[in-house]
């Protein structure tokens, strides 16, 4: 019971998460700019995953090599993952 109360106190101390829905265009632009250093960017989707998190998915192509990316955004980029894609047939 003490652990549950401690968790509740910690959540209250952080406050309510900020709704980042208005940041969708900024998230797309920031994640596109982050990926652009890796090659030609194609954004596939942008979605608000939680009240405080937007995710941008896309691909980057350079010298015929494609990679997918997943970019997490709050009010700024909070994570960026890059994964290799198999060659096109």
PDB file of N, CA and C in Angstrom:
ATOM      1  N   UNK A   1       0.818  -1.185   0.000  1.00  0.00           N
ATOM      2  CA  UNK A   1       0.000   0.000   0.000  1.00  0.00           C
ATOM      3  C   UNK A   1       0.872   1.263   0.000  1.00  0.00           C
ATOM      4  N   UNK A   2       1.995   1.208   0.696  1.00  0.00           N
ATOM      5  CA  UNK A   2       2.889   2.361   0.739  1.00  0.00           C
ATOM      6  C   UNK A   2       3.473   2.647  -0.639  1.00  0.00           C
ATOM      7  N   UNK A   3       3.767   1.592  -1.403  1.00  0.00           N
ATOM      8  CA  UNK A   3       4.317   1.782  -2.749  1.00  0.00           C
ATOM      9  C   UNK A   3       3.295   2.459  -3.654  1.00  0.00           C
ATOM     10  N   UNK A   4       2.032   2.089  -3.522  1.00  0.00           N
ATOM     11  CA  UNK A   4       0.975   2.718  -4.321  1.00  0.00           C
ATOM     12  C   UNK A   4       0.836   4.190  -3.978  1.00  0.00           C
ATOM     13  N   UNK A   5       0.909   4.519  -2.705  1.00  0.00           N
ATOM     14  CA  UNK A   5       0.808   5.918  -2.282  1.00  0.00           C
ATOM     15  C   UNK A   5       2.018   6.713  -2.766  1.00  0.00           C
ATOM     16  N   UNK A   6       3.206   6.106  -2.726  1.00  0.00           N
ATOM     17  CA  UNK A   6       4.411   6.795  -3.200  1.00  0.00           C
ATOM     18  C   UNK A   6       4.319   7.069  -4.693  1.00  0.00           C
ATOM     19  N   UNK A   7       3.786   6.111  -5.460  1.00  0.00           N
ATOM     20  CA  UNK A   7       3.612   6.305  -6.899  1.00  0.00           C
ATOM     21  C   UNK A   7       2.635   7.420  -7.193  1.00  0.00           C
ATOM     22  N   UNK A   8       1.568   7.498  -6.409  1.00  0.00           N
ATOM     23  CA  UNK A   8       0.572   8.547  -6.605  1.00  0.00           C
ATOM     24  C   UNK A   8       1.181   9.921  -6.318  1.00  0.00           C
ATOM     25  N   UNK A   9       1.968  10.017  -5.281  1.00  0.00           N
ATOM     26  CA  UNK A   9       2.629  11.278  -4.937  1.00  0.00           C
ATOM     27  C   UNK A   9       3.582  11.687  -6.056  1.00  0.00           C
ATOM     28  N   UNK A  10       4.326  10.735  -6.600  1.00  0.00           N
ATOM     29  CA  UNK A  10       5.273  11.035  -7.687  1.00  0.00           C
ATOM     30  C   UNK A  10       4.541  11.521  -8.929  1.00  0.00           C
ATOM     31  N   UNK A  11       3.404  10.886  -9.284  1.00  0.00           N
ATOM     32  CA  UNK A  11       2.615  11.323 -10.447  1.00  0.00           C
ATOM     33  C   UNK A  11       2.069  12.730 -10.244  1.00  0.00           C
ATOM     34  N   UNK A  12       1.599  13.036  -9.048  1.00  0.00           N
ATOM     35  CA  UNK A  12       1.071  14.373  -8.763  1.00  0.00           C
ATOM     36  C   UNK A  12       2.172  15.424  -8.820  1.00  0.00           C
ATOM     37  N   UNK A  13       3.383  15.071  -8.407  1.00  0.00           N
ATOM     38  CA  UNK A  13       4.501  16.015  -8.426  1.00  0.00           C
ATOM     39  C   UNK A  13       4.879  16.381  -9.862  1.00  0.00           C
ATOM     40  N   UNK A  14       4.760  15.439 -10.779  1.00  0.00           N
ATOM     41  CA  UNK A  14       5.072  15.711 -12.185  1.00  0.00           C
ATOM     42  C   UNK A  14       4.029  16.615 -12.816  1.00  0.00           C
ATOM     43  N   UNK A  15       2.811  16.564 -12.334  1.00  0.00           N
ATOM     44  CA  UNK A  15       1.735  17.355 -12.923  1.00  0.00           C
ATOM     45  C   UNK A  15       1.118  16.646 -14.111  1.00  0.00           C
ATOM     46  N   UNK A  16       0.098  17.252 -14.655  1.00  0.00           N
ATOM     47  CA  UNK A  16      -0.594  16.664 -15.799  1.00  0.00           C
ATOM     48  C   UNK A  16       0.268  16.797 -17.047  1.00  0.00           C
ATOM     49  N   UNK A  17       0.269  15.783 -17.919  1.00  0.00           N
ATOM     50  CA  UNK A  17       1.039  15.901 -19.157  1.00  0.00           C
ATOM     51  C   UNK A  17       0.461  16.991 -20.049  1.00  0.00           C
ATOM     52  N   UNK A  18       1.337  17.671 -20.760  1.00  0.00           N
ATOM     53  CA  UNK A  18       0.919  18.742 -21.660  1.00  0.00           C
ATOM     54  C   UNK A  18       0.388  18.137 -22.952  1.00  0.00           C
ATOM     55  N   UNK A  19      -0.787  18.573 -23.400  1.00  0.00           N
ATOM     56  CA  UNK A  19      -1.348  18.106 -24.665  1.00  0.00           C
ATOM     57  C   UNK A  19      -0.535  18.710 -25.804  1.00  0.00           C
ATOM     58  N   UNK A  20       0.071  17.855 -26.613  1.00  0.00           N
ATOM     59  CA  UNK A  20       0.956  18.322 -27.680  1.00  0.00           C
ATOM     60  C   UNK A  20       0.300  18.243 -29.063  1.00  0.00           C
ATOM     61  N   UNK A  21      -1.003  18.044 -29.123  1.00  0.00           N
ATOM     62  CA  UNK A  21      -1.696  17.909 -30.397  1.00  0.00           C
ATOM     63  C   UNK A  21      -1.458  19.058 -31.354  1.00  0.00           C
ATOM     64  N   UNK A  22      -1.301  20.255 -30.856  1.00  0.00           N
ATOM     65  CA  UNK A  22      -1.068  21.429 -31.706  1.00  0.00           C
ATOM     66  C   UNK A  22       0.333  21.415 -32.317  1.00  0.00           C
ATOM     67  N   UNK A  23       1.196  20.526 -31.847  1.00  0.00           N
ATOM     68  CA  UNK A  23       2.580  20.465 -32.321  1.00  0.00           C
ATOM     69  C   UNK A  23       2.774  19.510 -33.503  1.00  0.00           C
ATOM     70  N   UNK A  24       1.709  18.939 -34.064  1.00  0.00           N
ATOM     71  CA  UNK A  24       1.855  17.982 -35.160  1.00  0.00           C
ATOM     72  C   UNK A  24       2.691  18.539 -36.317  1.00  0.00           C
ATOM     73  N   UNK A  25       2.436  19.762 -36.818  1.00  0.00           N
ATOM     74  CA  UNK A  25       3.281  20.281 -37.906  1.00  0.00           C
ATOM     75  C   UNK A  25       4.741  20.479 -37.480  1.00  0.00           C
ATOM     76  N   UNK A  26       4.957  20.931 -36.259  1.00  0.00           N
ATOM     77  CA  UNK A  26       6.321  21.122 -35.771  1.00  0.00           C
ATOM     78  C   UNK A  26       7.036  19.776 -35.616  1.00  0.00           C
ATOM     79  N   UNK A  27       6.308  18.763 -35.172  1.00  0.00           N
ATOM     80  CA  UNK A  27       6.900  17.431 -35.026  1.00  0.00           C
ATOM     81  C   UNK A  27       7.339  16.900 -36.390  1.00  0.00           C
ATOM     82  N   UNK A  28       6.479  17.034 -37.383  1.00  0.00           N
ATOM     83  CA  UNK A  28       6.817  16.572 -38.735  1.00  0.00           C
ATOM     84  C   UNK A  28       8.057  17.307 -39.256  1.00  0.00           C
ATOM     85  N   UNK A  29       8.088  18.634 -39.085  1.00  0.00           N
ATOM     86  CA  UNK A  29       9.219  19.428 -39.579  1.00  0.00           C
ATOM     87  C   UNK A  29      10.515  19.079 -38.849  1.00  0.00           C
ATOM     88  N   UNK A  30      10.466  18.964 -37.528  1.00  0.00           N
ATOM     89  CA  UNK A  30      11.669  18.675 -36.748  1.00  0.00           C
ATOM     90  C   UNK A  30      12.203  17.277 -37.059  1.00  0.00           C
ATOM     91  N   UNK A  31      11.321  16.308 -37.173  1.00  0.00           N
ATOM     92  CA  UNK A  31      11.758  14.942 -37.454  1.00  0.00           C
ATOM     93  C   UNK A  31      12.266  14.813 -38.885  1.00  0.00           C
ATOM     94  N   UNK A  32      11.644  15.534 -39.812  1.00  0.00           N
ATOM     95  CA  UNK A  32      12.132  15.552 -41.192  1.00  0.00           C
ATOM     96  C   UNK A  32      13.534  16.154 -41.242  1.00  0.00           C
ATOM     97  N   UNK A  33      13.739  17.253 -40.522  1.00  0.00           N
ATOM     98  CA  UNK A  33      15.056  17.893 -40.486  1.00  0.00           C
ATOM     99  C   UNK A  33      16.099  16.964 -39.864  1.00  0.00           C
ATOM    100  N   UNK A  34      15.717  16.248 -38.813  1.00  0.00           N
ATOM    101  CA  UNK A  34      16.652  15.311 -38.160  1.00  0.00           C
ATOM    102  C   UNK A  34      17.056  14.198 -39.123  1.00  0.00           C
ATOM    103  N   UNK A  35      16.097  13.667 -39.879  1.00  0.00           N
ATOM    104  CA  UNK A  35      16.366  12.565 -40.806  1.00  0.00           C
ATOM    105  C   UNK A  35      17.066  13.036 -42.075  1.00  0.00           C
ATOM    106  N   UNK A  36      16.914  14.305 -42.449  1.00  0.00           N
ATOM    107  CA  UNK A  36      17.468  14.823 -43.705  1.00  0.00           C
ATOM    108  C   UNK A  36      18.988  14.710 -43.769  1.00  0.00           C
ATOM    109  N   UNK A  37      19.645  14.718 -42.650  1.00  0.00           N
ATOM    110  CA  UNK A  37      21.090  14.555 -42.640  1.00  0.00           C
ATOM    111  C   UNK A  37      21.530  13.149 -43.040  1.00  0.00           C
ATOM    112  N   UNK A  38      20.572  12.233 -43.113  1.00  0.00           N
ATOM    113  CA  UNK A  38      20.869  10.841 -43.434  1.00  0.00           C
ATOM    114  C   UNK A  38      20.534  10.484 -44.878  1.00  0.00           C
ATOM    115  N   UNK A  39      19.830  11.380 -45.588  1.00  0.00           N
ATOM    116  CA  UNK A  39      19.460  11.102 -46.980  1.00  0.00           C
ATOM    117  C   UNK A  39      18.144  11.765 -47.342  1.00  0.00           C
ATOM    118  N   UNK A  40      17.534  11.259 -48.434  1.00  0.00           N
ATOM    119  CA  UNK A  40      16.240  11.782 -48.888  1.00  0.00           C
ATOM    120  C   UNK A  40      15.140  11.218 -47.997  1.00  0.00           C
ATOM    121  N   UNK A  41      14.284  12.108 -47.474  1.00  0.00           N
ATOM    122  CA  UNK A  41      13.279  11.739 -46.478  1.00  0.00           C
ATOM    123  C   UNK A  41      11.902  11.624 -47.112  1.00  0.00           C
ATOM    124  N   UNK A  42      11.173  10.580 -46.704  1.00  0.00           N
ATOM    125  CA  UNK A  42       9.764  10.418 -47.065  1.00  0.00           C
ATOM    126  C   UNK A  42       9.006  10.125 -45.777  1.00  0.00           C
ATOM    127  N   UNK A  43       8.138  11.051 -45.352  1.00  0.00           N
ATOM    128  CA  UNK A  43       7.338  10.842 -44.146  1.00  0.00           C
ATOM    129  C   UNK A  43       6.141   9.978 -44.515  1.00  0.00           C
ATOM    130  N   UNK A  44       5.925   8.917 -43.758  1.00  0.00           N
ATOM    131  CA  UNK A  44       4.826   7.996 -44.002  1.00  0.00           C
ATOM    132  C   UNK A  44       3.603   8.369 -43.178  1.00  0.00           C
ATOM    133  N   UNK A  45       3.805   8.693 -41.898  1.00  0.00           N
ATOM    134  CA  UNK A  45       2.670   8.995 -41.025  1.00  0.00           C
ATOM    135  C   UNK A  45       3.128   9.834 -39.842  1.00  0.00           C
ATOM    136  N   UNK A  46       2.205  10.626 -39.324  1.00  0.00           N
ATOM    137  CA  UNK A  46       2.410  11.420 -38.116  1.00  0.00           C
ATOM    138  C   UNK A  46       1.180  11.199 -37.253  1.00  0.00           C
ATOM    139  N   UNK A  47       1.369  10.793 -36.003  1.00  0.00           N
ATOM    140  CA  UNK A  47       0.222  10.521 -35.139  1.00  0.00           C
ATOM    141  C   UNK A  47       0.512  10.934 -33.710  1.00  0.00           C
ATOM    142  N   UNK A  48      -0.526  11.410 -33.043  1.00  0.00           N
ATOM    143  CA  UNK A  48      -0.411  11.698 -31.621  1.00  0.00           C
ATOM    144  C   UNK A  48      -0.692  10.391 -30.892  1.00  0.00           C
ATOM    145  N   UNK A  49       0.338   9.802 -30.315  1.00  0.00           N
ATOM    146  CA  UNK A  49       0.262   8.498 -29.671  1.00  0.00           C
ATOM    147  C   UNK A  49      -0.289   8.583 -28.240  1.00  0.00           C
ATOM    148  N   UNK A  50      -0.048   9.687 -27.588  1.00  0.00           N
ATOM    149  CA  UNK A  50      -0.519   9.933 -26.226  1.00  0.00           C
ATOM    150  C   UNK A  50      -0.688  11.441 -26.088  1.00  0.00           C
ATOM    151  N   UNK A  51      -1.261  11.868 -24.993  1.00  0.00           N
ATOM    152  CA  UNK A  51      -1.503  13.302 -24.820  1.00  0.00           C
ATOM    153  C   UNK A  51      -0.206  14.096 -24.907  1.00  0.00           C
ATOM    154  N   UNK A  52       0.912  13.479 -24.524  1.00  0.00           N
ATOM    155  CA  UNK A  52       2.192  14.192 -24.494  1.00  0.00           C
ATOM    156  C   UNK A  52       3.227  13.635 -25.459  1.00  0.00           C
ATOM    157  N   UNK A  53       2.783  12.844 -26.473  1.00  0.00           N
ATOM    158  CA  UNK A  53       3.756  12.231 -27.383  1.00  0.00           C
ATOM    159  C   UNK A  53       3.213  12.123 -28.804  1.00  0.00           C
ATOM    160  N   UNK A  54       3.998  12.601 -29.750  1.00  0.00           N
ATOM    161  CA  UNK A  54       3.720  12.468 -31.177  1.00  0.00           C
ATOM    162  C   UNK A  54       4.794  11.558 -31.758  1.00  0.00           C
ATOM    163  N   UNK A  55       4.408  10.685 -32.686  1.00  0.00           N
ATOM    164  CA  UNK A  55       5.375   9.827 -33.366  1.00  0.00           C
ATOM    165  C   UNK A  55       5.295  10.089 -34.863  1.00  0.00           C
ATOM    166  N   UNK A  56       6.459  10.232 -35.471  1.00  0.00           N
ATOM    167  CA  UNK A  56       6.578  10.424 -36.919  1.00  0.00           C
ATOM    168  C   UNK A  56       7.321   9.209 -37.465  1.00  0.00           C
ATOM    169  N   UNK A  57       6.740   8.565 -38.497  1.00  0.00           N
ATOM    170  CA  UNK A  57       7.377   7.421 -39.149  1.00  0.00           C
ATOM    171  C   UNK A  57       7.706   7.799 -40.574  1.00  0.00           C
ATOM    172  N   UNK A  58       8.821   7.265 -41.074  1.00  0.00           N
ATOM    173  CA  UNK A  58       9.193   7.542 -42.452  1.00  0.00           C
ATOM    174  C   UNK A  58      10.358   6.694 -42.903  1.00  0.00           C
ATOM    175  N   UNK A  59      10.854   7.040 -44.094  1.00  0.00           N
ATOM    176  CA  UNK A  59      12.017   6.356 -44.641  1.00  0.00           C
ATOM    177  C   UNK A  59      13.056   7.388 -45.063  1.00  0.00           C
ATOM    178  N   UNK A  60      14.299   6.922 -45.106  1.00  0.00           N
ATOM    179  CA  UNK A  60      15.430   7.724 -45.565  1.00  0.00           C
ATOM    180  C   UNK A  60      16.162   6.887 -46.615  1.00  0.00           C
ATOM    181  N   UNK A  61      16.466   7.505 -47.751  1.00  0.00           N
ATOM    182  CA  UNK A  61      17.185   6.803 -48.813  1.00  0.00           C
ATOM    183  C   UNK A  61      18.453   7.563 -49.160  1.00  0.00           C
ATOM    184  N   UNK A  62      19.563   6.826 -49.217  1.00  0.00           N
ATOM    185  CA  UNK A  62      20.842   7.402 -49.635  1.00  0.00           C
ATOM    186  C   UNK A  62      21.612   6.313 -50.383  1.00  0.00           C
ATOM    187  N   UNK A  63      22.060   6.651 -51.572  1.00  0.00           N
ATOM    188  CA  UNK A  63      22.848   5.738 -52.408  1.00  0.00           C
ATOM    189  C   UNK A  63      22.139   4.393 -52.595  1.00  0.00           C
ATOM    190  N   UNK A  64      20.825   4.435 -52.801  1.00  0.00           N
ATOM    191  CA  UNK A  64      20.052   3.221 -53.040  1.00  0.00           C
ATOM    192  C   UNK A  64      19.759   2.397 -51.807  1.00  0.00           C
ATOM    193  N   UNK A  65      20.219   2.814 -50.653  1.00  0.00           N
ATOM    194  CA  UNK A  65      19.988   2.102 -49.391  1.00  0.00           C
ATOM    195  C   UNK A  65      18.865   2.792 -48.619  1.00  0.00           C
ATOM    196  N   UNK A  66      17.810   2.014 -48.300  1.00  0.00           N
ATOM    197  CA  UNK A  66      16.677   2.577 -47.569  1.00  0.00           C
ATOM    198  C   UNK A  66      16.706   2.149 -46.106  1.00  0.00           C
ATOM    199  N   UNK A  67      16.292   3.082 -45.241  1.00  0.00           N
ATOM    200  CA  UNK A  67      16.157   2.812 -43.819  1.00  0.00           C
ATOM    201  C   UNK A  67      14.840   3.415 -43.357  1.00  0.00           C
ATOM    202  N   UNK A  68      14.223   2.791 -42.372  1.00  0.00           N
ATOM    203  CA  UNK A  68      13.023   3.381 -41.789  1.00  0.00           C
ATOM    204  C   UNK A  68      13.429   4.151 -40.533  1.00  0.00           C
ATOM    205  N   UNK A  69      12.619   5.139 -40.197  1.00  0.00           N
ATOM    206  CA  UNK A  69      12.865   5.854 -38.943  1.00  0.00           C
ATOM    207  C   UNK A  69      11.575   6.030 -38.171  1.00  0.00           C
ATOM    208  N   UNK A  70      11.740   6.129 -36.863  1.00  0.00           N
ATOM    209  CA  UNK A  70      10.659   6.440 -35.938  1.00  0.00           C
ATOM    210  C   UNK A  70      11.174   7.562 -35.064  1.00  0.00           C
ATOM    211  N   UNK A  71      10.457   8.660 -35.051  1.00  0.00           N
ATOM    212  CA  UNK A  71      10.879   9.851 -34.318  1.00  0.00           C
ATOM    213  C   UNK A  71       9.818  10.190 -33.281  1.00  0.00           C
ATOM    214  N   UNK A  72      10.210  10.264 -32.030  1.00  0.00           N
ATOM    215  CA  UNK A  72       9.295  10.632 -30.940  1.00  0.00           C
ATOM    216  C   UNK A  72       9.462  12.111 -30.634  1.00  0.00           C
ATOM    217  N   UNK A  73       8.329  12.771 -30.378  1.00  0.00           N
ATOM    218  CA  UNK A  73       8.327  14.217 -30.191  1.00  0.00           C
ATOM    219  C   UNK A  73       7.356  14.567 -29.078  1.00  0.00           C
ATOM    220  N   UNK A  74       7.787  15.454 -28.174  1.00  0.00           N
ATOM    221  CA  UNK A  74       6.905  16.038 -27.159  1.00  0.00           C
ATOM    222  C   UNK A  74       6.705  17.479 -27.589  1.00  0.00           C
ATOM    223  N   UNK A  75       7.492  18.362 -27.033  1.00  0.00           N
ATOM    224  CA  UNK A  75       7.585  19.734 -27.544  1.00  0.00           C
ATOM    225  C   UNK A  75       8.913  19.914 -28.264  1.00  0.00           C
ATOM    226  N   UNK A  76       9.695  18.806 -28.318  1.00  0.00           N
ATOM    227  CA  UNK A  76      10.951  18.714 -29.066  1.00  0.00           C
ATOM    228  C   UNK A  76      11.199  17.221 -29.301  1.00  0.00           C
ATOM    229  N   UNK A  77      12.198  16.879 -30.091  1.00  0.00           N
ATOM    230  CA  UNK A  77      12.503  15.478 -30.340  1.00  0.00           C
ATOM    231  C   UNK A  77      13.000  14.827 -29.054  1.00  0.00           C
ATOM    232  N   UNK A  78      12.382  13.699 -28.701  1.00  0.00           N
ATOM    233  CA  UNK A  78      12.770  12.980 -27.484  1.00  0.00           C
ATOM    234  C   UNK A  78      13.363  11.608 -27.797  1.00  0.00           C
ATOM    235  N   UNK A  79      13.279  11.177 -29.053  1.00  0.00           N
ATOM    236  CA  UNK A  79      13.853   9.893 -29.443  1.00  0.00           C
ATOM    237  C   UNK A  79      13.859   9.741 -30.944  1.00  0.00           C
ATOM    238  N   UNK A  80      14.858   9.027 -31.467  1.00  0.00           N
ATOM    239  CA  UNK A  80      14.961   8.809 -32.910  1.00  0.00           C
ATOM    240  C   UNK A  80      15.583   7.439 -33.129  1.00  0.00           C
ATOM    241  N   UNK A  81      14.845   6.542 -33.803  1.00  0.00           N
ATOM    242  CA  UNK A  81      15.341   5.195 -34.096  1.00  0.00           C
ATOM    243  C   UNK A  81      15.429   5.023 -35.603  1.00  0.00           C
ATOM    244  N   UNK A  82      16.491   4.390 -36.029  1.00  0.00           N
ATOM    245  CA  UNK A  82      16.724   4.134 -37.446  1.00  0.00           C
ATOM    246  C   UNK A  82      16.899   2.631 -37.612  1.00  0.00           C
ATOM    247  N   UNK A  83      16.213   2.057 -38.622  1.00  0.00           N
ATOM    248  CA  UNK A  83      16.297   0.616 -38.862  1.00  0.00           C
ATOM    249  C   UNK A  83      16.555   0.362 -40.347  1.00  0.00           C
ATOM    250  N   UNK A  84      17.425  -0.590 -40.668  1.00  0.00           N
ATOM    251  CA  UNK A  84      17.655  -0.914 -42.081  1.00  0.00           C
ATOM    252  C   UNK A  84      16.436  -1.602 -42.688  1.00  0.00           C
ATOM    253  N   UNK A  85      16.191  -1.368 -43.975  1.00  0.00           N
ATOM    254  CA  UNK A  85      15.133  -2.039 -44.719  1.00  0.00           C
ATOM    255  C   UNK A  85      15.775  -2.967 -45.745  1.00  0.00           C
ATOM    256  N   UNK A  86      15.152  -4.111 -46.013  1.00  0.00           N
ATOM    257  CA  UNK A  86      15.719  -4.984 -47.046  1.00  0.00           C
ATOM    258  C   UNK A  86      15.661  -4.309 -48.401  1.00  0.00           C
ATOM    259  N   UNK A  87      16.583  -4.651 -49.303  1.00  0.00           N
ATOM    260  CA  UNK A  87      16.569  -4.041 -50.639  1.00  0.00           C
ATOM    261  C   UNK A  87      15.261  -4.331 -51.376  1.00  0.00           C
ATOM    262  N   UNK A  88      14.833  -3.397 -52.226  1.00  0.00           N
ATOM    263  CA  UNK A  88      13.635  -3.590 -53.035  1.00  0.00           C
ATOM    264  C   UNK A  88      13.906  -4.648 -54.083  1.00  0.00           C
ATOM    265  N   UNK A  89      12.861  -5.378 -54.436  1.00  0.00           N
ATOM    266  CA  UNK A  89      13.022  -6.412 -55.477  1.00  0.00           C
ATOM    267  C   UNK A  89      12.683  -5.839 -56.821  1.00  0.00           C
TER     268      UNK A  89
END
